[in-house]
């Protein structure tokens, strides 16, 4: 994207959104502590947060361990299952 290397945090995300023409940015819910909706709104970008809703899946172990990286799901779930997992979640503004 050839972003300005001096930009950090919100301004780097906003710059990336502008580069690709995005009008909305959805971040994991932990970003509520990092990003301000007003700053994004001033840039013409709606900021939302997603709380994942992930069903247990076979991880190859004795029990399901929630909260692992998305790479764990990619390694253990078939593509059609991943698609439905990616669509699940609660998005809030």
Protein backbone atom coordinates (compact mmCIF):
# COMPACT_ATOMS: atom_id res chain seq x y z
CA UNK A 1 0.00 0.00 0.00
CA UNK A 2 3.04 2.25 0.25
CA UNK A 3 1.90 3.78 3.55
CA UNK A 4 3.83 6.59 5.16
CA UNK A 5 6.21 4.74 7.53
CA UNK A 6 5.89 7.50 10.13
CA UNK A 7 2.16 6.85 10.60
CA UNK A 8 1.17 4.68 13.54
CA UNK A 9 -1.99 3.48 15.27
CA UNK A 10 -5.26 5.00 14.11
CA UNK A 11 -3.65 7.19 11.49
CA UNK A 12 -1.94 4.22 9.84
CA UNK A 13 -5.24 2.29 9.72
CA UNK A 14 -7.08 5.31 8.34
CA UNK A 15 -4.38 5.79 5.70
CA UNK A 16 -4.66 2.13 4.67
CA UNK A 17 -8.45 2.42 4.45
CA UNK A 18 -8.14 5.49 2.24
CA UNK A 19 -5.63 3.76 -0.03
CA UNK A 20 -8.06 0.93 -0.78
CA UNK A 21 -11.18 3.11 -0.82
CA UNK A 22 -12.74 1.59 2.30
CA UNK A 23 -15.63 3.39 3.96
CA UNK A 24 -15.75 1.02 6.95
CA UNK A 25 -13.12 -0.57 9.17
CA UNK A 26 -14.03 -3.57 11.36
CA UNK A 27 -11.57 -4.46 14.11
CA UNK A 28 -11.57 -7.10 16.82
CA UNK A 29 -13.30 -5.97 20.02
CA UNK A 30 -9.96 -5.43 21.79
CA UNK A 31 -9.44 -2.42 19.52
CA UNK A 32 -12.06 -0.47 21.48
CA UNK A 33 -9.20 0.55 23.75
CA UNK A 34 -7.07 1.69 20.80
CA UNK A 35 -9.32 3.38 18.27
CA UNK A 36 -11.69 6.34 18.51
CA UNK A 37 -14.85 6.27 16.37
CA UNK A 38 -14.83 10.10 16.16
CA UNK A 39 -11.37 10.13 14.60
CA UNK A 40 -12.46 7.58 12.01
CA UNK A 41 -15.73 9.46 11.36
CA UNK A 42 -13.80 12.68 10.68
CA UNK A 43 -11.89 10.71 8.04
CA UNK A 44 -15.18 9.46 6.52
CA UNK A 45 -14.70 5.91 7.75
CA UNK A 46 -17.16 4.04 9.95
CA UNK A 47 -15.45 2.14 12.76
CA UNK A 48 -17.03 -1.08 14.03
CA UNK A 49 -15.89 -3.89 16.27
CA UNK A 50 -16.51 -7.60 16.01
CA UNK A 51 -16.85 -10.08 18.83
CA UNK A 52 -16.13 -13.49 17.35
CA UNK A 53 -18.58 -16.32 17.85
CA UNK A 54 -16.56 -19.42 17.12
CA UNK A 55 -17.97 -22.89 17.60
CA UNK A 56 -15.70 -25.59 18.97
CA UNK A 57 -13.92 -27.55 16.25
CA UNK A 58 -11.59 -30.53 16.21
CA UNK A 59 -8.11 -29.24 16.96
CA UNK A 60 -6.57 -32.68 17.06
CA UNK A 61 -6.27 -32.70 20.85
CA UNK A 62 -8.24 -34.08 23.77
CA UNK A 63 -10.27 -30.89 24.31
CA UNK A 64 -11.11 -27.65 22.51
CA UNK A 65 -8.89 -24.67 23.38
CA UNK A 66 -10.75 -21.43 22.53
CA UNK A 67 -9.05 -18.16 21.64
CA UNK A 68 -6.18 -19.52 19.56
CA UNK A 69 -4.93 -17.82 16.41
CA UNK A 70 -7.01 -17.93 13.25
CA UNK A 71 -4.15 -20.02 11.88
CA UNK A 72 -5.27 -22.86 14.16
CA UNK A 73 -8.69 -22.86 12.53
CA UNK A 74 -7.13 -22.68 9.06
CA UNK A 75 -5.04 -25.73 9.91
CA UNK A 76 -7.94 -27.78 11.28
CA UNK A 77 -11.17 -26.72 9.55
CA UNK A 78 -12.21 -27.47 5.96
CA UNK A 79 -12.65 -24.41 3.69
CA UNK A 80 -16.47 -24.57 3.73
CA UNK A 81 -16.41 -24.64 7.53
CA UNK A 82 -14.02 -21.70 7.67
CA UNK A 83 -16.35 -19.62 5.52
CA UNK A 84 -19.24 -20.05 7.93
CA UNK A 85 -16.95 -19.30 10.88
CA UNK A 86 -15.82 -16.06 9.21
CA UNK A 87 -19.44 -14.98 8.78
CA UNK A 88 -20.25 -15.53 12.47
CA UNK A 89 -19.76 -12.81 15.02
CA UNK A 90 -21.44 -9.80 16.57
CA UNK A 91 -20.52 -6.47 14.99
CA UNK A 92 -21.06 -3.31 17.06
CA UNK A 93 -20.44 0.35 16.29
